[in-house]
Amino acid sequence: MTTFVADGGAAKAANAALVARLERLPVTRRLTLIRVIVGSATFFDAYTVLAIAFAMPQLVDEWNLSPSQVGMILSAGYLGQLVGALVFGGLAEKIGRLPTLLITIVLFVSMDIACLFAWGGTSMMIFRFVQGVGTGGEVPVASAYINEFIGARKRGRFFLLYEVIFPAGLMFAGIAAYFLVPVFGWRALFVVGLVPAVLTIPLRWLMPESPRWLAAKGRHEEADTVVRKLEADATKQGLPLPEPVFRPVDTLPTARSDWRELFKGIYLKRTLMIWVLWVSVYMINNGLVTWLPTLYKQVFHLPLETSLAYGWITSGVGVVASVICALLIDKVGRKRWYAVAFFVATVPLLVLTALGATTATQVVVLAPIAYAILQTISFSLYLYSAELYPTRLRAIGTGFGSAWLRAGSSIGPLMVGLIVADLGIRYVFTAFAAVALVGGLVTTVFAIETKGRVLEELSP
């Protein structure tokens, strides 16, 4: 149940004024710095997620792991991320975006150290699960935080140029693995993952709290202070600062977050729709990107270096596709982009099924195409999720949605392991094509368009 402050009218007016001032802000150096610092944490979050995939070809030999054990280890991190997304989304609504981000970074860095000392499949699975709790909390909270600084016209491009850092981190995991694993072994990947520890310093002392979150908690003076600093930055840099335009949006006064509101009114359909999108796209993409290096080595018997290089190709084309999406999605729109991408991605997956996926060449050409197309959805869903909910629900709504990301990410690797063991590799791509088709249909029927609209207008 939503709880309002006593003077609802005054709070509404203050919130409306704050929104108008935020909407007119240009992209200043301070906002760019915020994107860089938070993006750096997200970069290593992504790196940490995928490092295990590139360590796995060596771990299979060292620990004599079966396909089902490999699937369990790969899925453990995603199950932890599911827990983290649920827990830290709610925490960010209560204590703020920045304190929550600090906790998540400390958690996934400490478990990165633990992974260095894993002695077998079971210990690695446990450490990866706990590490996933931290990584699962970081991205949805960071996404809510970034979204809350930027106006409607620039939001898609600004946010997605930040979000590109996630597929870049995935790609970096492949590069690091190619050069480090054959020479120094799989533990070298987890040594690199310790870098985010230094990010806690600027995150703690140089970053302002989200003014939208502060206002939603009734802390209007603190919110005003943050916005004044941003306005002063624009003036100092000679950037245009037009008069604020007060839009007729129903900005609610201070309210208490209540997760049950996700399933009421206009938010019920949005919640169910975004959950399906999260599950569909991540079931496919994380099933592909985490398993492909191992499949190249175990199924097609390629050398370790070649398997890692082929795995990197998948991540690399995903980054290119993500940049293209970031530059164009404000023009194309979220709903149209997602529907087309889901349907088009079924083509290379069905072609692989028809060919039988009998050679590594077929897989390394067609699988990255499907991955790249779907990567434009997976990396931008944080933007779309944050646009679907009001400030009082943004972090928790994004967290709940991305929890289904983790569920899909857990199911994907497990499904690949089971299908490869029982039916063969070609049927993996059949299953993924079916999932992409479901995602496209749900997008076409139930998604709403959010491009160019003020957050408070979309979600009162």
Protein backbone atom coordinates (compact mmCIF):
# COMPACT_ATOMS: atom_id res chain seq x y z
CA MET A 1 0.00 0.00 0.00
CA THR A 2 1.34 3.45 -0.95
CA THR A 3 1.94 5.90 1.91
CA PHE A 4 1.93 9.65 1.26
CA VAL A 5 3.36 12.55 3.21
CA ALA A 6 0.89 14.83 4.92
CA ASP A 7 1.26 17.75 2.53
CA GLY A 8 0.66 15.83 -0.69
CA GLY A 9 0.04 18.94 -2.80
CA ALA A 10 3.32 20.59 -1.83
CA ALA A 11 5.23 17.35 -2.40
CA LYS A 12 3.68 16.91 -5.84
CA ALA A 13 4.64 20.45 -6.80
CA ALA A 14 8.20 19.95 -5.55
CA ASN A 15 8.52 16.68 -7.46
CA ALA A 16 7.13 18.22 -10.64
CA ALA A 17 9.60 21.11 -10.38
CA LEU A 18 12.49 18.70 -9.84
CA VAL A 19 11.49 16.61 -12.86
CA ALA A 20 11.26 19.72 -15.04
CA ARG A 21 14.77 20.80 -14.02
CA LEU A 22 16.22 17.33 -14.59
CA GLU A 23 14.60 17.02 -18.01
CA ARG A 24 16.31 20.18 -19.28
CA LEU A 25 19.82 19.24 -18.17
CA PRO A 26 22.48 18.73 -20.87
CA VAL A 27 25.03 15.92 -20.60
CA THR A 28 27.73 17.54 -18.47
CA ARG A 29 31.18 16.25 -17.54
CA ARG A 30 29.83 15.23 -14.13
CA LEU A 31 27.10 13.12 -15.71
CA THR A 32 29.66 11.58 -18.04
CA LEU A 33 31.88 10.81 -15.04
CA ILE A 34 28.95 9.14 -13.29
CA ARG A 35 28.43 6.98 -16.36
CA VAL A 36 32.12 6.09 -16.54
CA ILE A 37 32.48 5.14 -12.86
CA VAL A 38 29.29 3.09 -12.70
CA GLY A 39 30.08 1.67 -16.12
CA SER A 40 33.46 0.49 -14.90
CA ALA A 41 31.80 -1.49 -12.13
CA THR A 42 29.34 -2.94 -14.64
CA PHE A 43 32.21 -3.80 -17.02
CA PHE A 44 33.84 -6.02 -14.42
CA ASP A 45 30.47 -7.38 -13.38
CA ALA A 46 30.07 -8.64 -16.95
CA TYR A 47 33.65 -9.89 -17.01
CA THR A 48 33.07 -11.81 -13.79
CA VAL A 49 29.88 -13.38 -15.16
CA LEU A 50 31.62 -14.81 -18.23
CA ALA A 51 35.11 -15.56 -16.90
CA ILE A 52 33.98 -19.01 -15.75
CA ALA A 53 32.94 -19.92 -19.32
CA PHE A 54 36.48 -19.37 -20.57
CA ALA A 55 38.01 -21.14 -17.57
CA MET A 56 35.73 -24.13 -18.09
CA PRO A 57 37.54 -25.89 -21.00
CA GLN A 58 40.61 -26.22 -18.75
CA LEU A 59 38.58 -27.07 -15.63
CA VAL A 60 36.83 -29.92 -17.46
CA ASP A 61 40.18 -31.63 -17.95
CA GLU A 62 41.63 -30.69 -14.56
CA TRP A 63 38.63 -31.78 -12.49
CA ASN A 64 37.16 -34.42 -14.86
CA LEU A 65 33.81 -32.66 -15.03
CA SER A 66 30.80 -34.19 -16.80
CA PRO A 67 28.49 -32.10 -19.05
CA SER A 68 25.87 -31.98 -16.28
CA GLN A 69 28.47 -30.75 -13.76
CA VAL A 70 29.59 -28.07 -16.20
CA GLY A 71 25.99 -26.94 -16.58
CA MET A 72 25.53 -26.80 -12.81
CA ILE A 73 28.65 -24.68 -12.29
CA LEU A 74 27.71 -22.30 -15.10
CA SER A 75 24.15 -22.04 -13.78
CA ALA A 76 25.15 -21.53 -10.12
CA GLY A 77 26.31 -17.98 -10.75
CA TYR A 78 23.06 -17.10 -12.46
CA LEU A 79 20.99 -18.59 -9.64
CA GLY A 80 22.94 -16.39 -7.23
CA GLN A 81 22.26 -13.41 -9.48
CA LEU A 82 18.55 -14.17 -9.24
CA VAL A 83 18.74 -13.90 -5.46
CA GLY A 84 20.85 -10.74 -5.66
CA ALA A 85 18.48 -9.04 -8.08
CA LEU A 86 15.53 -9.66 -5.76
CA VAL A 87 17.30 -8.69 -2.54
CA PHE A 88 19.25 -5.63 -3.65
CA GLY A 89 16.46 -4.08 -5.74
CA GLY A 90 14.36 -3.77 -2.61
CA LEU A 91 17.34 -2.62 -0.54
CA ALA A 92 18.11 0.16 -3.03
CA GLU A 93 14.58 1.52 -2.57
CA LYS A 94 15.10 1.65 1.20
CA ILE A 95 18.69 2.82 1.78
CA GLY A 96 19.53 4.43 -1.56
CA ARG A 97 21.25 3.59 -4.83
CA LEU A 98 24.86 4.30 -3.84
CA PRO A 99 25.09 2.36 -0.54
CA THR A 100 23.55 -0.65 -2.28
CA LEU A 101 26.03 -0.45 -5.17
CA LEU A 102 28.91 -0.45 -2.68
CA ILE A 103 27.63 -3.59 -0.97
CA THR A 104 27.23 -5.46 -4.27
CA ILE A 105 30.74 -4.59 -5.46
CA VAL A 106 32.34 -5.69 -2.19
CA LEU A 107 30.42 -8.98 -2.33
CA PHE A 108 31.35 -10.00 -5.86
CA VAL A 109 34.99 -8.97 -5.42
CA SER A 110 35.35 -11.00 -2.20
CA MET A 111 33.92 -14.09 -3.91
CA ASP A 112 36.28 -13.55 -6.83
CA ILE A 113 39.10 -14.07 -4.32
CA ALA A 114 37.38 -17.22 -3.08
CA CYS A 115 37.20 -18.63 -6.62
CA LEU A 116 40.99 -18.43 -6.82
CA PHE A 117 41.14 -21.11 -4.13
CA ALA A 118 38.40 -23.42 -5.48
CA TRP A 119 39.56 -27.06 -5.33
CA GLY A 120 36.80 -28.81 -7.27
CA GLY A 121 33.44 -28.55 -8.96
CA THR A 122 31.41 -28.30 -5.74
CA SER A 123 33.49 -25.52 -4.19
CA MET A 124 33.48 -23.54 -7.45
CA MET A 125 29.72 -23.92 -7.70
CA ILE A 126 29.23 -22.57 -4.15
CA PHE A 127 31.60 -19.63 -4.64
CA ARG A 128 30.02 -18.75 -7.97
CA PHE A 129 26.55 -18.81 -6.42
CA VAL A 130 27.52 -16.33 -3.68
CA GLN A 131 29.42 -14.20 -6.16
CA GLY A 132 26.31 -14.15 -8.32
CA VAL A 133 24.35 -12.62 -5.45
CA GLY A 134 26.61 -9.56 -5.72
CA THR A 135 26.74 -9.33 -9.50
CA GLY A 136 22.98 -9.85 -9.73
CA GLY A 137 22.35 -6.86 -7.49
CA GLU A 138 24.79 -4.44 -9.11
CA VAL A 139 23.39 -4.07 -12.62
CA PRO A 140 19.67 -3.42 -11.90
CA VAL A 141 20.52 -0.89 -9.20
CA ALA A 142 23.10 0.81 -11.44
CA SER A 143 20.55 0.90 -14.25
CA ALA A 144 17.93 2.59 -12.10
CA TYR A 145 20.55 5.06 -10.87
CA ILE A 146 21.78 6.08 -14.35
CA ASN A 147 18.25 6.38 -15.75
CA GLU A 148 17.19 8.79 -13.02
CA PHE A 149 19.64 11.53 -14.07
CA ILE A 150 18.78 11.86 -17.76
CA GLY A 151 15.92 13.56 -19.62
CA ALA A 152 13.58 11.76 -21.99
CA ARG A 153 15.09 12.93 -25.29
CA LYS A 154 18.62 11.77 -24.47
CA ARG A 155 17.86 8.87 -22.14
CA GLY A 156 18.08 5.96 -24.57
CA ARG A 157 21.37 6.91 -26.15
CA PHE A 158 23.02 8.09 -22.92
CA PHE A 159 22.00 5.01 -20.97
CA LEU A 160 22.80 2.48 -23.68
CA LEU A 161 26.24 3.94 -24.31
CA TYR A 162 26.76 3.15 -20.62
CA GLU A 163 25.17 -0.27 -21.00
CA VAL A 164 27.45 -1.13 -23.95
CA ILE A 165 30.08 -1.60 -21.29
CA PHE A 166 28.40 -4.86 -20.27
CA PRO A 167 28.91 -6.69 -23.60
CA ALA A 168 32.34 -5.05 -23.74
CA GLY A 169 33.10 -6.71 -20.41
CA LEU A 170 31.93 -10.02 -21.85
CA MET A 171 34.23 -9.52 -24.82
CA PHE A 172 37.14 -8.59 -22.54
CA ALA A 173 36.69 -11.89 -20.71
CA GLY A 174 37.35 -13.68 -23.99
CA ILE A 175 40.41 -11.57 -24.78
CA ALA A 176 41.86 -12.06 -21.30
CA ALA A 177 41.21 -15.80 -21.50
CA TYR A 178 42.90 -16.15 -24.88
CA PHE A 179 46.13 -14.55 -23.66
CA LEU A 180 46.16 -15.63 -20.00
CA VAL A 181 44.66 -19.11 -19.66
CA PRO A 182 47.07 -21.06 -21.93
CA VAL A 183 50.08 -19.44 -20.20
CA PHE A 184 49.02 -18.85 -16.57
CA GLY A 185 46.02 -21.13 -16.17
CA TRP A 186 42.38 -20.44 -15.34
CA ARG A 187 43.09 -18.69 -12.02
CA ALA A 188 44.56 -15.74 -13.88
CA LEU A 189 41.06 -14.80 -15.00
CA PHE A 190 39.93 -14.36 -11.40
CA VAL A 191 42.99 -12.28 -10.54
CA VAL A 192 41.92 -9.77 -13.21
CA GLY A 193 38.45 -9.75 -11.62
CA LEU A 194 39.86 -8.10 -8.48
CA VAL A 195 40.17 -4.71 -10.22
CA PRO A 196 36.67 -3.48 -9.19
CA ALA A 197 37.84 -3.27 -5.57
CA VAL A 198 39.42 0.12 -6.36
CA LEU A 199 36.10 1.44 -7.72
CA THR A 200 34.61 1.63 -4.25
CA ILE A 201 36.65 4.79 -3.55
CA PRO A 202 35.21 7.10 -6.25
CA LEU A 203 31.81 5.44 -5.91
CA ARG A 204 31.72 6.33 -2.22
CA TRP A 205 33.09 9.87 -2.28
CA LEU A 206 32.55 11.39 -5.75
CA MET A 207 29.06 10.26 -6.71
CA PRO A 208 25.80 12.06 -5.83
CA GLU A 209 22.74 10.12 -4.77
CA SER A 210 19.88 9.96 -7.29
CA PRO A 211 17.84 13.18 -6.94
CA ARG A 212 14.69 11.36 -8.02
CA TRP A 213 15.18 8.81 -5.24
CA LEU A 214 15.87 11.55 -2.69
CA ALA A 215 12.70 13.37 -3.71
CA ALA A 216 10.68 10.16 -3.54
CA LYS A 217 11.82 9.82 0.07
CA GLY A 218 10.80 13.37 0.93
CA ARG A 219 14.42 14.60 1.08
CA HIS A 220 13.73 17.54 -1.22
CA GLU A 221 16.53 19.78 0.06
CA GLU A 222 19.15 17.11 -0.69
CA ALA A 223 17.61 16.49 -4.11
CA ASP A 224 17.65 20.21 -4.82
CA THR A 225 21.33 20.39 -3.84
CA VAL A 226 22.24 17.65 -6.32
CA VAL A 227 20.29 19.28 -9.15
CA ARG A 228 21.81 22.68 -8.39
CA LYS A 229 25.29 21.19 -8.76
CA LEU A 230 24.33 19.68 -12.11
CA GLU A 231 22.88 23.00 -13.27
CA ALA A 232 26.02 24.82 -12.12
CA ASP A 233 28.15 22.34 -14.10
CA ALA A 234 26.18 23.14 -17.26
CA THR A 235 26.63 26.89 -16.71
CA LYS A 236 30.38 26.58 -16.09
CA GLN A 237 30.81 24.50 -19.22
CA GLY A 238 28.84 26.96 -21.35
CA LEU A 239 26.15 24.39 -22.15
CA PRO A 240 22.60 25.53 -22.93
CA LEU A 241 20.24 25.41 -19.96
CA PRO A 242 16.72 26.26 -21.17
CA GLU A 243 13.88 27.24 -18.91
CA PRO A 244 12.26 24.21 -17.22
CA VAL A 245 9.08 23.02 -18.87
CA PHE A 246 6.44 21.84 -16.40
CA ARG A 247 4.66 18.92 -18.01
CA PRO A 248 1.16 17.81 -16.99
CA VAL A 249 2.35 14.57 -15.44
CA ASP A 250 0.93 13.10 -12.26
CA THR A 251 4.08 13.02 -10.13
CA LEU A 252 3.17 11.35 -6.87
CA PRO A 253 4.36 12.76 -3.56
CA THR A 254 6.62 10.84 -1.24
CA ALA A 255 5.64 7.17 -1.21
CA ARG A 256 6.77 3.94 0.37
CA SER A 257 7.89 1.21 -2.02
CA ASP A 258 5.61 -1.80 -2.08
CA TRP A 259 6.53 -4.69 -4.37
CA ARG A 260 2.87 -5.73 -4.59
CA GLU A 261 2.20 -2.65 -6.72
CA LEU A 262 4.12 -4.40 -9.53
CA PHE A 263 1.07 -6.63 -9.93
CA LYS A 264 -1.62 -3.95 -9.83
CA GLY A 265 -3.15 -1.55 -12.34
CA ILE A 266 -1.10 -0.69 -15.40
CA TYR A 267 1.99 -2.33 -13.95
CA LEU A 268 0.65 -5.91 -13.99
CA LYS A 269 0.81 -6.31 -17.77
CA ARG A 270 4.16 -4.52 -17.92
CA THR A 271 5.63 -6.76 -15.23
CA LEU A 272 4.55 -10.02 -16.84
CA MET A 273 5.61 -8.84 -20.31
CA ILE A 274 9.10 -7.75 -19.25
CA TRP A 275 9.61 -11.01 -17.33
CA VAL A 276 8.98 -13.02 -20.49
CA LEU A 277 11.42 -10.85 -22.45
CA TRP A 278 14.12 -11.26 -19.79
CA VAL A 279 13.71 -15.05 -19.64
CA SER A 280 13.57 -15.53 -23.41
CA VAL A 281 16.58 -13.52 -24.49
CA TYR A 282 18.89 -14.58 -21.67
CA MET A 283 18.00 -18.25 -21.90
CA ILE A 284 19.33 -18.16 -25.46
CA ASN A 285 22.27 -15.80 -25.16
CA ASN A 286 23.77 -17.08 -21.95
CA GLY A 287 23.19 -20.64 -23.06
CA LEU A 288 25.21 -19.82 -26.16
CA VAL A 289 27.99 -17.64 -24.80
CA THR A 290 28.78 -19.77 -21.76
CA TRP A 291 28.76 -23.12 -23.55
CA LEU A 292 30.33 -22.36 -26.93
CA PRO A 293 34.02 -22.44 -25.82
CA THR A 294 33.46 -25.84 -24.20
CA LEU A 295 31.47 -27.15 -27.18
CA TYR A 296 34.23 -26.16 -29.59
CA LYS A 297 36.74 -28.11 -27.52
CA GLN A 298 34.67 -31.11 -26.40
CA VAL A 299 32.34 -31.68 -29.37
CA PHE A 300 34.48 -30.47 -32.26
CA HIS A 301 37.83 -31.30 -30.61
CA LEU A 302 39.47 -27.97 -31.39
CA PRO A 303 42.65 -26.88 -29.56
CA LEU A 304 42.16 -24.79 -26.40
CA GLU A 305 43.44 -21.58 -28.02
CA THR A 306 41.12 -21.99 -31.01
CA SER A 307 38.14 -22.77 -28.78
CA LEU A 308 38.76 -19.62 -26.75
CA ALA A 309 39.24 -17.51 -29.88
CA TYR A 310 36.00 -18.77 -31.40
CA GLY A 311 34.22 -18.06 -28.13
CA TRP A 312 35.58 -14.52 -28.21
CA ILE A 313 34.13 -13.97 -31.68
CA THR A 314 30.65 -14.40 -30.25
CA SER A 315 31.24 -11.76 -27.57
CA GLY A 316 32.94 -9.42 -30.06
CA VAL A 317 30.08 -9.29 -32.55
CA GLY A 318 27.74 -8.76 -29.62
CA VAL A 319 29.56 -5.53 -28.74
CA VAL A 320 29.34 -4.24 -32.32
CA ALA A 321 25.61 -4.96 -32.44
CA SER A 322 25.14 -3.27 -29.05
CA VAL A 323 26.81 -0.05 -30.20
CA ILE A 324 24.59 0.04 -33.29
CA CYS A 325 21.53 -0.45 -31.09
CA ALA A 326 22.64 2.30 -28.67
CA LEU A 327 22.92 4.81 -31.52
CA LEU A 328 19.62 3.93 -33.19
CA ILE A 329 17.11 2.77 -30.57
CA ASP A 330 15.90 6.30 -29.73
CA LYS A 331 14.89 6.65 -33.38
CA VAL A 332 13.50 3.16 -33.98
CA GLY A 333 11.80 2.67 -30.63
CA ARG A 334 12.03 -0.11 -28.07
CA LYS A 335 8.98 -2.19 -29.06
CA ARG A 336 9.71 -2.27 -32.80
CA TRP A 337 13.39 -3.07 -32.27
CA TYR A 338 12.70 -5.96 -29.91
CA ALA A 339 9.99 -7.56 -32.03
CA VAL A 340 12.10 -7.50 -35.19
CA ALA A 341 15.21 -8.73 -33.40
CA PHE A 342 13.46 -11.73 -31.84
CA PHE A 343 11.94 -12.84 -35.14
CA VAL A 344 15.09 -12.29 -37.22
CA ALA A 345 17.24 -14.21 -34.70
CA THR A 346 15.23 -17.36 -35.33
CA VAL A 347 16.62 -17.54 -38.89
CA PRO A 348 20.29 -18.45 -38.15
CA LEU A 349 19.14 -20.76 -35.34
CA LEU A 350 16.82 -22.67 -37.68
CA VAL A 351 19.50 -22.77 -40.38
CA LEU A 352 21.88 -24.40 -37.87
CA THR A 353 19.17 -26.94 -37.08
CA ALA A 354 18.66 -27.70 -40.77
CA LEU A 355 22.41 -28.07 -41.39
CA GLY A 356 22.76 -30.26 -38.32
CA ALA A 357 25.48 -28.11 -36.70
CA THR A 358 27.93 -30.77 -37.82
CA THR A 359 31.02 -28.55 -38.08
CA ALA A 360 32.62 -25.86 -35.96
CA THR A 361 32.55 -23.56 -38.99
CA GLN A 362 28.76 -23.70 -39.19
CA VAL A 363 28.47 -22.86 -35.51
CA VAL A 364 31.09 -20.10 -35.44
CA VAL A 365 29.41 -18.34 -38.38
CA LEU A 366 25.71 -18.70 -37.53
CA ALA A 367 25.59 -18.81 -33.71
CA PRO A 368 27.31 -15.40 -33.30
CA ILE A 369 24.81 -13.86 -35.74
CA ALA A 370 21.88 -14.99 -33.60
CA TYR A 371 23.73 -13.94 -30.45
CA ALA A 372 24.52 -10.47 -31.80
CA ILE A 373 20.93 -9.81 -32.84
CA LEU A 374 19.59 -10.88 -29.46
CA GLN A 375 22.36 -9.04 -27.61
CA THR A 376 20.76 -5.77 -28.72
CA ILE A 377 17.72 -6.81 -26.67
CA SER A 378 19.49 -8.28 -23.68
CA PHE A 379 21.76 -5.32 -23.03
CA SER A 380 19.01 -2.72 -23.49
CA LEU A 381 16.30 -4.38 -21.37
CA TYR A 382 17.67 -2.59 -18.31
CA LEU A 383 16.82 0.69 -20.03
CA TYR A 384 13.34 -0.52 -20.97
CA SER A 385 12.62 -2.04 -17.54
CA ALA A 386 13.57 1.17 -15.75
CA GLU A 387 11.26 3.14 -18.04
CA LEU A 388 8.26 0.95 -17.16
CA TYR A 389 8.16 1.81 -13.44
CA PRO A 390 7.99 4.97 -11.25
CA THR A 391 10.87 6.02 -8.99
CA ARG A 392 9.35 4.31 -5.93
CA LEU A 393 9.37 0.98 -7.85
CA ARG A 394 12.18 1.45 -10.37
CA ALA A 395 15.00 -0.42 -8.64
CA ILE A 396 12.77 -3.16 -7.26
CA GLY A 397 10.87 -3.54 -10.55
CA THR A 398 14.10 -3.72 -12.52
CA GLY A 399 15.50 -6.10 -9.93
CA PHE A 400 12.48 -8.40 -10.10
CA GLY A 401 12.63 -8.34 -13.90
CA SER A 402 16.33 -9.07 -14.02
CA ALA A 403 15.75 -11.90 -11.57
CA TRP A 404 14.05 -13.61 -14.49
CA LEU A 405 17.15 -12.78 -16.50
CA ARG A 406 19.04 -14.91 -13.98
CA ALA A 407 16.42 -17.64 -14.21
CA GLY A 408 16.74 -17.71 -17.98
CA SER A 409 20.52 -17.59 -17.68
CA SER A 410 20.41 -20.59 -15.34
CA ILE A 411 18.06 -22.58 -17.53
CA GLY A 412 20.03 -21.91 -20.71
CA PRO A 413 23.32 -23.62 -19.75
CA LEU A 414 21.50 -26.49 -18.04
CA MET A 415 19.33 -26.99 -21.10
CA VAL A 416 22.36 -27.04 -23.41
CA GLY A 417 24.08 -29.63 -21.23
CA LEU A 418 21.03 -31.89 -21.16
CA ILE A 419 20.23 -31.57 -24.86
CA VAL A 420 23.83 -32.14 -25.96
CA ALA A 421 24.12 -35.21 -23.74
CA ASP A 422 20.78 -36.77 -24.78
CA LEU A 423 19.90 -35.52 -28.28
CA GLY A 424 22.90 -33.81 -29.86
CA ILE A 425 24.00 -30.27 -30.55
CA ARG A 426 21.64 -29.48 -33.45
CA TYR A 427 18.56 -29.63 -31.20
CA VAL A 428 20.00 -26.95 -28.94
CA PHE A 429 19.44 -24.46 -31.75
CA THR A 430 15.93 -25.78 -32.38
CA ALA A 431 15.00 -25.09 -28.76
CA PHE A 432 16.54 -21.62 -28.86
CA ALA A 433 14.63 -20.73 -32.06
CA ALA A 434 11.36 -21.66 -30.34
CA VAL A 435 12.20 -19.46 -27.35
CA ALA A 436 13.03 -16.50 -29.64
CA LEU A 437 9.69 -16.92 -31.39
CA VAL A 438 7.85 -16.72 -28.06
CA GLY A 439 9.75 -13.55 -27.17
CA GLY A 440 8.82 -11.93 -30.48
CA LEU A 441 5.13 -12.75 -30.10
CA VAL A 442 4.94 -11.42 -26.54
CA THR A 443 6.70 -8.20 -27.58
CA THR A 444 4.35 -7.66 -30.52
CA VAL A 445 1.19 -8.17 -28.46
CA PHE A 446 1.98 -6.74 -25.03
CA ALA A 447 4.96 -4.32 -25.13
CA ILE A 448 4.47 -0.53 -24.92
CA GLU A 449 6.56 2.16 -26.58
CA THR A 450 8.60 4.40 -24.25
CA LYS A 451 10.95 6.37 -26.51
CA GLY A 452 10.99 10.12 -25.96
CA ARG A 453 8.60 10.07 -22.99
CA VAL A 454 9.29 11.47 -19.52
CA LEU A 455 9.64 8.79 -16.85
CA GLU A 456 6.92 10.32 -14.68
CA GLU A 457 4.60 10.53 -17.70
CA LEU A 458 5.09 6.83 -18.43
CA SER A 459 4.73 5.71 -14.83
CA PRO A 460 2.79 7.92 -12.38
